[in-house]
Amino acid sequence: MVDNGAEATAIYVTDYSRVDWELPEEAERKTMPAPTAPETFADATRLTYVESAVMGGMGPDLIPFSETEEAERFAETHGGQTIAYGDIDRTLIEGIQMSEMG
C-alpha cells in the first residue's frame, strides 16, 4: 500500500514476550501460536524481531519480542538472528515470504 501513497500511523504486532507460548517438540515444522487478545499486541516499532525457520502464526514471519533478551534466547534456541525494527525492509520481507516457496 506504500506504493500507492499510504503511510502507516500505527503498526501493532503480536508481542511474544506477552504470550505464554510453547513449540511442540514433535512438530515437523515449528509454528508459533497466533493469539488475538488485545493485550498480546504491542507497537511494532519498539520490538526486537527474530528471523528464523520457525513459522509465525500465519506463515513465514519475523517473530517479535518486547524483551530483547527473550528474542536473543529464541534465536539461540531455535536458530536465527535478531533484527531491529528499523532494519526491516521490503527485501527482507520478500526473502522470508519466498523461503516458504522454496
PDB file of N, CA and C in Angstrom:
ATOM      1  N   MET A   1       0.814  -1.187   0.000  1.00  0.00           N
ATOM      2  CA  MET A   1       0.000   0.000   0.000  1.00  0.00           C
ATOM      3  C   MET A   1       0.863   1.258   0.000  1.00  0.00           C
ATOM      4  N   VAL A   2       2.108   1.130   0.476  1.00  0.00           N
ATOM      5  CA  VAL A   2       3.024   2.268   0.462  1.00  0.00           C
ATOM      6  C   VAL A   2       3.247   2.741  -0.967  1.00  0.00           C
ATOM      7  N   ASP A   3       3.292   1.808  -1.905  1.00  0.00           N
ATOM      8  CA  ASP A   3       3.470   2.163  -3.310  1.00  0.00           C
ATOM      9  C   ASP A   3       2.338   3.050  -3.821  1.00  0.00           C
ATOM     10  N   ASN A   4       1.191   2.999  -3.179  1.00  0.00           N
ATOM     11  CA  ASN A   4       0.042   3.814  -3.571  1.00  0.00           C
ATOM     12  C   ASN A   4      -0.094   5.079  -2.726  1.00  0.00           C
ATOM     13  N   GLY A   5       0.944   5.400  -1.960  1.00  0.00           N
ATOM     14  CA  GLY A   5       0.945   6.630  -1.175  1.00  0.00           C
ATOM     15  C   GLY A   5       0.464   6.487   0.253  1.00  0.00           C
ATOM     16  N   ALA A   6       0.125   5.278   0.683  1.00  0.00           N
ATOM     17  CA  ALA A   6      -0.342   5.083   2.056  1.00  0.00           C
ATOM     18  C   ALA A   6       0.827   5.212   3.032  1.00  0.00           C
ATOM     19  N   GLU A   7       0.521   5.732   4.199  1.00  0.00           N
ATOM     20  CA  GLU A   7       1.523   5.850   5.250  1.00  0.00           C
ATOM     21  C   GLU A   7       0.922   5.347   6.553  1.00  0.00           C
ATOM     22  N   ALA A   8       1.612   4.441   7.210  1.00  0.00           N
ATOM     23  CA  ALA A   8       1.105   3.869   8.458  1.00  0.00           C
ATOM     24  C   ALA A   8       1.180   4.903   9.576  1.00  0.00           C
ATOM     25  N   THR A   9       0.124   5.003  10.351  1.00  0.00           N
ATOM     26  CA  THR A   9       0.136   5.876  11.520  1.00  0.00           C
ATOM     27  C   THR A   9       0.401   5.067  12.786  1.00  0.00           C
ATOM     28  N   ALA A  10       0.140   3.765  12.721  1.00  0.00           N
ATOM     29  CA  ALA A  10       0.420   2.858  13.838  1.00  0.00           C
ATOM     30  C   ALA A  10       0.499   1.440  13.284  1.00  0.00           C
ATOM     31  N   ILE A  11       1.417   0.662  13.855  1.00  0.00           N
ATOM     32  CA  ILE A  11       1.563  -0.737  13.454  1.00  0.00           C
ATOM     33  C   ILE A  11       1.665  -1.557  14.737  1.00  0.00           C
ATOM     34  N   TYR A  12       0.771  -2.525  14.874  1.00  0.00           N
ATOM     35  CA  TYR A  12       0.788  -3.398  16.041  1.00  0.00           C
ATOM     36  C   TYR A  12       0.973  -4.833  15.590  1.00  0.00           C
ATOM     37  N   VAL A  13       1.777  -5.573  16.357  1.00  0.00           N
ATOM     38  CA  VAL A  13       2.031  -6.983  16.081  1.00  0.00           C
ATOM     39  C   VAL A  13       1.966  -7.755  17.389  1.00  0.00           C
ATOM     40  N   THR A  14       1.898  -9.066  17.280  1.00  0.00           N
ATOM     41  CA  THR A  14       1.925  -9.906  18.475  1.00  0.00           C
ATOM     42  C   THR A  14       3.273  -9.758  19.158  1.00  0.00           C
ATOM     43  N   ASP A  15       3.255  -9.521  20.448  1.00  0.00           N
ATOM     44  CA  ASP A  15       4.468  -9.430  21.261  1.00  0.00           C
ATOM     45  C   ASP A  15       4.605 -10.757  22.000  1.00  0.00           C
ATOM     46  N   TYR A  16       5.528 -11.604  21.547  1.00  0.00           N
ATOM     47  CA  TYR A  16       5.668 -12.925  22.151  1.00  0.00           C
ATOM     48  C   TYR A  16       6.282 -12.879  23.542  1.00  0.00           C
ATOM     49  N   SER A  17       6.746 -11.711  23.993  1.00  0.00           N
ATOM     50  CA  SER A  17       7.137 -11.556  25.395  1.00  0.00           C
ATOM     51  C   SER A  17       5.897 -11.500  26.285  1.00  0.00           C
ATOM     52  N   ARG A  18       4.736 -11.217  25.713  1.00  0.00           N
ATOM     53  CA  ARG A  18       3.475 -11.129  26.457  1.00  0.00           C
ATOM     54  C   ARG A  18       2.639 -12.407  26.335  1.00  0.00           C
ATOM     55  N   VAL A  19       3.108 -13.366  25.573  1.00  0.00           N
ATOM     56  CA  VAL A  19       2.328 -14.568  25.276  1.00  0.00           C
ATOM     57  C   VAL A  19       2.987 -15.779  25.927  1.00  0.00           C
ATOM     58  N   ASP A  20       2.161 -16.623  26.535  1.00  0.00           N
ATOM     59  CA  ASP A  20       2.649 -17.897  27.066  1.00  0.00           C
ATOM     60  C   ASP A  20       2.601 -18.894  25.909  1.00  0.00           C
ATOM     61  N   TRP A  21       3.738 -19.092  25.241  1.00  0.00           N
ATOM     62  CA  TRP A  21       3.780 -19.933  24.047  1.00  0.00           C
ATOM     63  C   TRP A  21       4.703 -21.132  24.264  1.00  0.00           C
ATOM     64  N   GLU A  22       4.485 -22.157  23.464  1.00  0.00           N
ATOM     65  CA  GLU A  22       5.320 -23.359  23.502  1.00  0.00           C
ATOM     66  C   GLU A  22       5.342 -23.952  22.100  1.00  0.00           C
ATOM     67  N   LEU A  23       6.511 -24.412  21.673  1.00  0.00           N
ATOM     68  CA  LEU A  23       6.642 -25.078  20.380  1.00  0.00           C
ATOM     69  C   LEU A  23       6.691 -26.580  20.620  1.00  0.00           C
ATOM     70  N   PRO A  24       5.726 -27.327  20.098  1.00  0.00           N
ATOM     71  CA  PRO A  24       5.729 -28.782  20.296  1.00  0.00           C
ATOM     72  C   PRO A  24       6.988 -29.415  19.690  1.00  0.00           C
ATOM     73  N   GLU A  25       7.671 -30.217  20.473  1.00  0.00           N
ATOM     74  CA  GLU A  25       8.908 -30.860  20.010  1.00  0.00           C
ATOM     75  C   GLU A  25       8.668 -31.807  18.843  1.00  0.00           C
ATOM     76  N   GLU A  26       7.512 -32.461  18.821  1.00  0.00           N
ATOM     77  CA  GLU A  26       7.254 -33.474  17.796  1.00  0.00           C
ATOM     78  C   GLU A  26       6.803 -32.887  16.465  1.00  0.00           C
ATOM     79  N   ALA A  27       6.504 -31.601  16.438  1.00  0.00           N
ATOM     80  CA  ALA A  27       6.021 -30.984  15.201  1.00  0.00           C
ATOM     81  C   ALA A  27       7.130 -30.961  14.143  1.00  0.00           C
ATOM     82  N   GLU A  28       6.759 -31.313  12.914  1.00  0.00           N
ATOM     83  CA  GLU A  28       7.724 -31.298  11.815  1.00  0.00           C
ATOM     84  C   GLU A  28       8.174 -29.873  11.515  1.00  0.00           C
ATOM     85  N   ARG A  29       7.230 -28.953  11.499  1.00  0.00           N
ATOM     86  CA  ARG A  29       7.536 -27.546  11.239  1.00  0.00           C
ATOM     87  C   ARG A  29       7.065 -26.731  12.430  1.00  0.00           C
ATOM     88  N   LYS A  30       7.988 -26.149  13.137  1.00  0.00           N
ATOM     89  CA  LYS A  30       7.659 -25.368  14.328  1.00  0.00           C
ATOM     90  C   LYS A  30       6.867 -24.121  13.940  1.00  0.00           C
ATOM     91  N   THR A  31       5.742 -23.892  14.628  1.00  0.00           N
ATOM     92  CA  THR A  31       4.879 -22.755  14.346  1.00  0.00           C
ATOM     93  C   THR A  31       4.459 -22.089  15.647  1.00  0.00           C
ATOM     94  N   MET A  32       4.631 -20.772  15.702  1.00  0.00           N
ATOM     95  CA  MET A  32       4.208 -20.013  16.865  1.00  0.00           C
ATOM     96  C   MET A  32       2.679 -19.924  16.873  1.00  0.00           C
ATOM     97  N   PRO A  33       2.083 -19.775  18.053  1.00  0.00           N
ATOM     98  CA  PRO A  33       0.633 -19.582  18.119  1.00  0.00           C
ATOM     99  C   PRO A  33       0.265 -18.215  17.535  1.00  0.00           C
ATOM    100  N   ALA A  34      -1.002 -18.016  17.257  1.00  0.00           N
ATOM    101  CA  ALA A  34      -1.492 -16.742  16.718  1.00  0.00           C
ATOM    102  C   ALA A  34      -2.557 -16.169  17.650  1.00  0.00           C
ATOM    103  N   PRO A  35      -2.143 -15.643  18.812  1.00  0.00           N
ATOM    104  CA  PRO A  35      -3.122 -15.101  19.752  1.00  0.00           C
ATOM    105  C   PRO A  35      -3.775 -13.841  19.200  1.00  0.00           C
ATOM    106  N   THR A  36      -4.991 -13.567  19.656  1.00  0.00           N
ATOM    107  CA  THR A  36      -5.716 -12.395  19.164  1.00  0.00           C
ATOM    108  C   THR A  36      -6.203 -11.474  20.275  1.00  0.00           C
ATOM    109  N   ALA A  37      -5.904 -11.797  21.515  1.00  0.00           N
ATOM    110  CA  ALA A  37      -6.343 -10.948  22.623  1.00  0.00           C
ATOM    111  C   ALA A  37      -5.627  -9.591  22.543  1.00  0.00           C
ATOM    112  N   PRO A  38      -6.325  -8.515  22.801  1.00  0.00           N
ATOM    113  CA  PRO A  38      -5.726  -7.178  22.676  1.00  0.00           C
ATOM    114  C   PRO A  38      -4.431  -7.006  23.472  1.00  0.00           C
ATOM    115  N   GLU A  39      -4.343  -7.628  24.638  1.00  0.00           N
ATOM    116  CA  GLU A  39      -3.154  -7.452  25.474  1.00  0.00           C
ATOM    117  C   GLU A  39      -1.904  -8.141  24.917  1.00  0.00           C
ATOM    118  N   THR A  40      -2.060  -8.932  23.874  1.00  0.00           N
ATOM    119  CA  THR A  40      -0.894  -9.609  23.284  1.00  0.00           C
ATOM    120  C   THR A  40      -0.220  -8.768  22.199  1.00  0.00           C
ATOM    121  N   PHE A  41      -0.801  -7.615  21.878  1.00  0.00           N
ATOM    122  CA  PHE A  41      -0.239  -6.770  20.823  1.00  0.00           C
ATOM    123  C   PHE A  41       0.575  -5.620  21.400  1.00  0.00           C
ATOM    124  N   ALA A  42       1.566  -5.167  20.608  1.00  0.00           N
ATOM    125  CA  ALA A  42       2.416  -4.049  21.020  1.00  0.00           C
ATOM    126  C   ALA A  42       2.836  -3.254  19.789  1.00  0.00           C
ATOM    127  N   ASP A  43       3.288  -2.047  20.032  1.00  0.00           N
ATOM    128  CA  ASP A  43       3.780  -1.158  18.982  1.00  0.00           C
ATOM    129  C   ASP A  43       4.959  -1.828  18.275  1.00  0.00           C
ATOM    130  N   ALA A  44       4.801  -2.102  17.006  1.00  0.00           N
ATOM    131  CA  ALA A  44       5.810  -2.830  16.234  1.00  0.00           C
ATOM    132  C   ALA A  44       7.167  -2.146  16.221  1.00  0.00           C
ATOM    133  N   THR A  45       7.182  -0.826  16.331  1.00  0.00           N
ATOM    134  CA  THR A  45       8.444  -0.086  16.236  1.00  0.00           C
ATOM    135  C   THR A  45       9.310  -0.242  17.466  1.00  0.00           C
ATOM    136  N   ARG A  46       8.755  -0.784  18.537  1.00  0.00           N
ATOM    137  CA  ARG A  46       9.502  -0.902  19.804  1.00  0.00           C
ATOM    138  C   ARG A  46       9.982  -2.324  20.106  1.00  0.00           C
ATOM    139  N   LEU A  47       9.810  -3.236  19.159  1.00  0.00           N
ATOM    140  CA  LEU A  47      10.123  -4.640  19.412  1.00  0.00           C
ATOM    141  C   LEU A  47      11.401  -5.076  18.701  1.00  0.00           C
ATOM    142  N   THR A  48      11.961  -6.184  19.181  1.00  0.00           N
ATOM    143  CA  THR A  48      13.090  -6.846  18.537  1.00  0.00           C
ATOM    144  C   THR A  48      12.545  -8.087  17.864  1.00  0.00           C
ATOM    145  N   TYR A  49      12.968  -8.326  16.642  1.00  0.00           N
ATOM    146  CA  TYR A  49      12.432  -9.417  15.832  1.00  0.00           C
ATOM    147  C   TYR A  49      13.470 -10.513  15.641  1.00  0.00           C
ATOM    148  N   VAL A  50      12.972 -11.737  15.450  1.00  0.00           N
ATOM    149  CA  VAL A  50      13.855 -12.865  15.158  1.00  0.00           C
ATOM    150  C   VAL A  50      13.482 -13.412  13.788  1.00  0.00           C
ATOM    151  N   GLU A  51      14.479 -13.501  12.935  1.00  0.00           N
ATOM    152  CA  GLU A  51      14.324 -14.170  11.640  1.00  0.00           C
ATOM    153  C   GLU A  51      14.828 -15.587  11.846  1.00  0.00           C
ATOM    154  N   SER A  52      13.950 -16.562  11.672  1.00  0.00           N
ATOM    155  CA  SER A  52      14.331 -17.959  11.876  1.00  0.00           C
ATOM    156  C   SER A  52      13.453 -18.853  11.015  1.00  0.00           C
ATOM    157  N   ALA A  53      13.697 -20.144  11.102  1.00  0.00           N
ATOM    158  CA  ALA A  53      12.894 -21.110  10.357  1.00  0.00           C
ATOM    159  C   ALA A  53      11.552 -21.373  11.034  1.00  0.00           C
ATOM    160  N   VAL A  54      11.369 -20.884  12.257  1.00  0.00           N
ATOM    161  CA  VAL A  54      10.099 -21.050  12.957  1.00  0.00           C
ATOM    162  C   VAL A  54       9.053 -20.189  12.260  1.00  0.00           C
ATOM    163  N   MET A  55       7.911 -20.794  11.997  1.00  0.00           N
ATOM    164  CA  MET A  55       6.825 -20.090  11.325  1.00  0.00           C
ATOM    165  C   MET A  55       6.076 -19.203  12.311  1.00  0.00           C
ATOM    166  N   GLY A  56       5.578 -18.090  11.800  1.00  0.00           N
ATOM    167  CA  GLY A  56       4.672 -17.264  12.579  1.00  0.00           C
ATOM    168  C   GLY A  56       3.307 -17.924  12.592  1.00  0.00           C
ATOM    169  N   GLY A  57       2.407 -17.399  13.348  1.00  0.00           N
ATOM    170  CA  GLY A  57       1.070 -17.975  13.445  1.00  0.00           C
ATOM    171  C   GLY A  57       0.319 -17.996  12.125  1.00  0.00           C
ATOM    172  N   MET A  58       0.741 -17.152  11.163  1.00  0.00           N
ATOM    173  CA  MET A  58       0.050 -17.073   9.879  1.00  0.00           C
ATOM    174  C   MET A  58       0.979 -17.370   8.700  1.00  0.00           C
ATOM    175  N   GLY A  59       2.119 -18.020   8.963  1.00  0.00           N
ATOM    176  CA  GLY A  59       3.036 -18.364   7.880  1.00  0.00           C
ATOM    177  C   GLY A  59       4.429 -17.811   8.141  1.00  0.00           C
ATOM    178  N   PRO A  60       5.264 -17.764   7.103  1.00  0.00           N
ATOM    179  CA  PRO A  60       6.635 -17.250   7.275  1.00  0.00           C
ATOM    180  C   PRO A  60       6.588 -15.832   7.833  1.00  0.00           C
ATOM    181  N   ASP A  61       7.405 -15.568   8.839  1.00  0.00           N
ATOM    182  CA  ASP A  61       7.280 -14.294   9.529  1.00  0.00           C
ATOM    183  C   ASP A  61       8.517 -14.010  10.351  1.00  0.00           C
ATOM    184  N   LEU A  62       8.644 -12.778  10.799  1.00  0.00           N
ATOM    185  CA  LEU A  62       9.590 -12.407  11.830  1.00  0.00           C
ATOM    186  C   LEU A  62       8.858 -12.577  13.155  1.00  0.00           C
ATOM    187  N   ILE A  63       9.544 -13.057  14.173  1.00  0.00           N
ATOM    188  CA  ILE A  63       8.915 -13.297  15.473  1.00  0.00           C
ATOM    189  C   ILE A  63       9.289 -12.139  16.401  1.00  0.00           C
ATOM    190  N   PRO A  64       8.320 -11.304  16.822  1.00  0.00           N
ATOM    191  CA  PRO A  64       8.610 -10.107  17.613  1.00  0.00           C
ATOM    192  C   PRO A  64       8.553 -10.315  19.132  1.00  0.00           C
ATOM    193  N   PHE A  65       9.467  -9.643  19.821  1.00  0.00           N
ATOM    194  CA  PHE A  65       9.547  -9.684  21.289  1.00  0.00           C
ATOM    195  C   PHE A  65       9.820  -8.278  21.820  1.00  0.00           C
ATOM    196  N   SER A  66       9.155  -7.891  22.909  1.00  0.00           N
ATOM    197  CA  SER A  66       9.464  -6.612  23.543  1.00  0.00           C
ATOM    198  C   SER A  66      10.706  -6.724  24.419  1.00  0.00           C
ATOM    199  N   GLU A  67      11.010  -7.911  24.873  1.00  0.00           N
ATOM    200  CA  GLU A  67      12.206  -8.140  25.685  1.00  0.00           C
ATOM    201  C   GLU A  67      13.327  -8.648  24.773  1.00  0.00           C
ATOM    202  N   THR A  68      14.336  -7.807  24.546  1.00  0.00           N
ATOM    203  CA  THR A  68      15.428  -8.161  23.647  1.00  0.00           C
ATOM    204  C   THR A  68      16.109  -9.453  24.078  1.00  0.00           C
ATOM    205  N   GLU A  69      16.260  -9.653  25.379  1.00  0.00           N
ATOM    206  CA  GLU A  69      16.901 -10.875  25.875  1.00  0.00           C
ATOM    207  C   GLU A  69      16.110 -12.115  25.465  1.00  0.00           C
ATOM    208  N   GLU A  70      14.789 -12.024  25.482  1.00  0.00           N
ATOM    209  CA  GLU A  70      13.958 -13.153  25.056  1.00  0.00           C
ATOM    210  C   GLU A  70      14.145 -13.419  23.568  1.00  0.00           C
ATOM    211  N   ALA A  71      14.246 -12.370  22.780  1.00  0.00           N
ATOM    212  CA  ALA A  71      14.487 -12.528  21.339  1.00  0.00           C
ATOM    213  C   ALA A  71      15.829 -13.218  21.110  1.00  0.00           C
ATOM    214  N   GLU A  72      16.836 -12.818  21.851  1.00  0.00           N
ATOM    215  CA  GLU A  72      18.173 -13.419  21.710  1.00  0.00           C
ATOM    216  C   GLU A  72      18.157 -14.892  22.105  1.00  0.00           C
ATOM    217  N   ARG A  73      17.458 -15.221  23.201  1.00  0.00           N
ATOM    218  CA  ARG A  73      17.351 -16.629  23.615  1.00  0.00           C
ATOM    219  C   ARG A  73      16.597 -17.445  22.571  1.00  0.00           C
ATOM    220  N   PHE A  74      15.533 -16.873  22.012  1.00  0.00           N
ATOM    221  CA  PHE A  74      14.767 -17.563  20.977  1.00  0.00           C
ATOM    222  C   PHE A  74      15.679 -17.872  19.784  1.00  0.00           C
ATOM    223  N   ALA A  75      16.456 -16.889  19.351  1.00  0.00           N
ATOM    224  CA  ALA A  75      17.362 -17.077  18.212  1.00  0.00           C
ATOM    225  C   ALA A  75      18.414 -18.141  18.520  1.00  0.00           C
ATOM    226  N   GLU A  76      18.945 -18.150  19.736  1.00  0.00           N
ATOM    227  CA  GLU A  76      19.930 -19.165  20.125  1.00  0.00           C
ATOM    228  C   GLU A  76      19.315 -20.561  20.146  1.00  0.00           C
ATOM    229  N   THR A  77      18.124 -20.667  20.707  1.00  0.00           N
ATOM    230  CA  THR A  77      17.459 -21.961  20.871  1.00  0.00           C
ATOM    231  C   THR A  77      16.930 -22.522  19.558  1.00  0.00           C
ATOM    232  N   HIS A  78      16.334 -21.663  18.738  1.00  0.00           N
ATOM    233  CA  HIS A  78      15.641 -22.128  17.534  1.00  0.00           C
ATOM    234  C   HIS A  78      16.352 -21.742  16.245  1.00  0.00           C
ATOM    235  N   GLY A  79      17.511 -21.146  16.378  1.00  0.00           N
ATOM    236  CA  GLY A  79      18.254 -20.712  15.196  1.00  0.00           C
ATOM    237  C   GLY A  79      17.726 -19.395  14.686  1.00  0.00           C
ATOM    238  N   GLY A  80      18.586 -18.628  14.104  1.00  0.00           N
ATOM    239  CA  GLY A  80      18.165 -17.359  13.523  1.00  0.00           C
ATOM    240  C   GLY A  80      18.975 -16.208  14.048  1.00  0.00           C
ATOM    241  N   GLN A  81      18.495 -15.021  13.735  1.00  0.00           N
ATOM    242  CA  GLN A  81      19.173 -13.805  14.155  1.00  0.00           C
ATOM    243  C   GLN A  81      18.161 -12.758  14.568  1.00  0.00           C
ATOM    244  N   THR A  82      18.597 -11.847  15.451  1.00  0.00           N
ATOM    245  CA  THR A  82      17.711 -10.768  15.874  1.00  0.00           C
ATOM    246  C   THR A  82      17.854  -9.583  14.930  1.00  0.00           C
ATOM    247  N   ILE A  83      16.761  -8.851  14.791  1.00  0.00           N
ATOM    248  CA  ILE A  83      16.706  -7.717  13.873  1.00  0.00           C
ATOM    249  C   ILE A  83      15.917  -6.596  14.541  1.00  0.00           C
ATOM    250  N   ALA A  84      16.420  -5.388  14.469  1.00  0.00           N
ATOM    251  CA  ALA A  84      15.701  -4.223  14.979  1.00  0.00           C
ATOM    252  C   ALA A  84      14.642  -3.800  13.961  1.00  0.00           C
ATOM    253  N   TYR A  85      13.584  -3.162  14.432  1.00  0.00           N
ATOM    254  CA  TYR A  85      12.510  -2.728  13.546  1.00  0.00           C
ATOM    255  C   TYR A  85      13.043  -1.873  12.391  1.00  0.00           C
ATOM    256  N   GLY A  86      13.955  -0.978  12.686  1.00  0.00           N
ATOM    257  CA  GLY A  86      14.492  -0.082  11.671  1.00  0.00           C
ATOM    258  C   GLY A  86      15.281  -0.774  10.575  1.00  0.00           C
ATOM    259  N   ASP A  87      15.672  -2.024  10.816  1.00  0.00           N
ATOM    260  CA  ASP A  87      16.433  -2.781   9.809  1.00  0.00           C
ATOM    261  C   ASP A  87      15.546  -3.663   8.941  1.00  0.00           C
ATOM    262  N   ILE A  88      14.255  -3.646   9.184  1.00  0.00           N
ATOM    263  CA  ILE A  88      13.318  -4.431   8.373  1.00  0.00           C
ATOM    264  C   ILE A  88      12.978  -3.630   7.123  1.00  0.00           C
ATOM    265  N   ASP A  89      13.188  -4.260   5.965  1.00  0.00           N
ATOM    266  CA  ASP A  89      12.846  -3.589   4.713  1.00  0.00           C
ATOM    267  C   ASP A  89      12.133  -4.573   3.787  1.00  0.00           C
ATOM    268  N   ARG A  90      11.704  -4.067   2.668  1.00  0.00           N
ATOM    269  CA  ARG A  90      10.941  -4.874   1.713  1.00  0.00           C
ATOM    270  C   ARG A  90      11.728  -6.111   1.254  1.00  0.00           C
ATOM    271  N   THR A  91      13.028  -5.948   1.028  1.00  0.00           N
ATOM    272  CA  THR A  91      13.860  -7.074   0.570  1.00  0.00           C
ATOM    273  C   THR A  91      13.863  -8.199   1.605  1.00  0.00           C
ATOM    274  N   LEU A  92      13.997  -7.853   2.879  1.00  0.00           N
ATOM    275  CA  LEU A  92      13.979  -8.853   3.945  1.00  0.00           C
ATOM    276  C   LEU A  92      12.641  -9.582   3.977  1.00  0.00           C
ATOM    277  N   ILE A  93      11.551  -8.829   3.935  1.00  0.00           N
ATOM    278  CA  ILE A  93      10.210  -9.445   3.978  1.00  0.00           C
ATOM    279  C   ILE A  93       9.981 -10.332   2.763  1.00  0.00           C
ATOM    280  N   GLU A  94      10.341  -9.872   1.598  1.00  0.00           N
ATOM    281  CA  GLU A  94      10.173 -10.695   0.396  1.00  0.00           C
ATOM    282  C   GLU A  94      10.991 -11.964   0.481  1.00  0.00           C
ATOM    283  N   GLY A  95      12.193 -11.898   1.053  1.00  0.00           N
ATOM    284  CA  GLY A  95      13.027 -13.091   1.211  1.00  0.00           C
ATOM    285  C   GLY A  95      12.389 -14.102   2.154  1.00  0.00           C
ATOM    286  N   ILE A  96      11.776 -13.609   3.226  1.00  0.00           N
ATOM    287  CA  ILE A  96      11.097 -14.502   4.174  1.00  0.00           C
ATOM    288  C   ILE A  96       9.910 -15.165   3.506  1.00  0.00           C
ATOM    289  N   GLN A  97       9.157 -14.400   2.761  1.00  0.00           N
ATOM    290  CA  GLN A  97       7.990 -14.952   2.068  1.00  0.00           C
ATOM    291  C   GLN A  97       8.415 -15.966   0.999  1.00  0.00           C
ATOM    292  N   MET A  98       9.494 -15.709   0.311  1.00  0.00           N
ATOM    293  CA  MET A  98       9.996 -16.608  -0.731  1.00  0.00           C
ATOM    294  C   MET A  98      10.548 -17.904  -0.130  1.00  0.00           C
ATOM    295  N   SER A  99      11.048 -17.843   1.108  1.00  0.00           N
ATOM    296  CA  SER A  99      11.622 -19.043   1.729  1.00  0.00           C
ATOM    297  C   SER A  99      10.565 -20.138   1.881  1.00  0.00           C
ATOM    298  N   GLU A 100       9.320 -19.755   2.023  1.00  0.00           N
ATOM    299  CA  GLU A 100       8.232 -20.727   2.148  1.00  0.00           C
ATOM    300  C   GLU A 100       7.995 -21.438   0.818  1.00  0.00           C
ATOM    301  N   MET A 101       8.270 -20.778  -0.282  1.00  0.00           N
ATOM    302  CA  MET A 101       8.010 -21.351  -1.594  1.00  0.00           C
ATOM    303  C   MET A 101       9.121 -22.296  -2.035  1.00  0.00           C
ATOM    304  N   GLY A 102      10.301 -22.122  -1.442  1.00  0.00           N
ATOM    305  CA  GLY A 102      11.455 -22.895  -1.890  1.00  0.00           C
ATOM    306  C   GLY A 102      11.676 -24.147  -1.224  1.00  0.00           C
TER     307      GLY A 102
END
